C-alpha cells in the first residue's frame, strides 16, 4: 500500500459566536484520500479555554503560547501521523483543535509527550467515533455554502451561514479562501 499523503493546505474564515464575538475557523483542504482510507475513525477535540481579550480573541501572551503548542502538535503529527489536525476554531474564549486519529490510546500518549515541555494548560479533551467524518463534513458544508452565496453576489460582509459546532451555533462569514 502506498504511503498516505496528508496535505498541508488550509483555508480560514471569520465567524461570529451567538454573542457577537469573533471566531476564526481554519480547516484542512484536500482530505478526500485521508477520509476514504478509513484509517482515521476517531475524532478528538481539544479545547483550551481562556479569558477573552478584544473581540473574544486570546491576549498576546496566550496567543503566542497557543501558537507554540500548535506548532509542536503539527510538527509531531506530521512526523508520526497517528492523528491529523482537520480544524481549528479560535474565539469566544476557546481554542478548539479537531483531530482525527487511528487510535485514542496512541494519541493520548503522543499528546502528553508533545505537551510535556509546556506548563500545565487549561484544556479539556473529548473523543468519539466519527468514521464518516461528520464534524469535518459539516464544517466544509457550511463554508462551501458561504462561498457559493458569495459567487451568487450576496453581500460579502453580512452573508451568514448558520452551522452547528459543538452543540452551539455560530455565524460564518465569507471565507478568505473557499474550501
Foldseek 3Di string as FASTA:
>chain_A
DDDDDDDPDKWWFWWAFPVGAIKIKMFGPDCVSVLVVLQFFKKKKKKFFADADPRFAHDPVVVVVVVVLVVLVQVVCVVPVQKDWGMWMGGNRMIMTMIGGNDPVVVVVVSCVSCVVDDDTRMDMDMDGHSNPVQNVQVLVQQQVQVVVVVVPDDQAPDWGWTDDPNGIMTIGHIPDRD
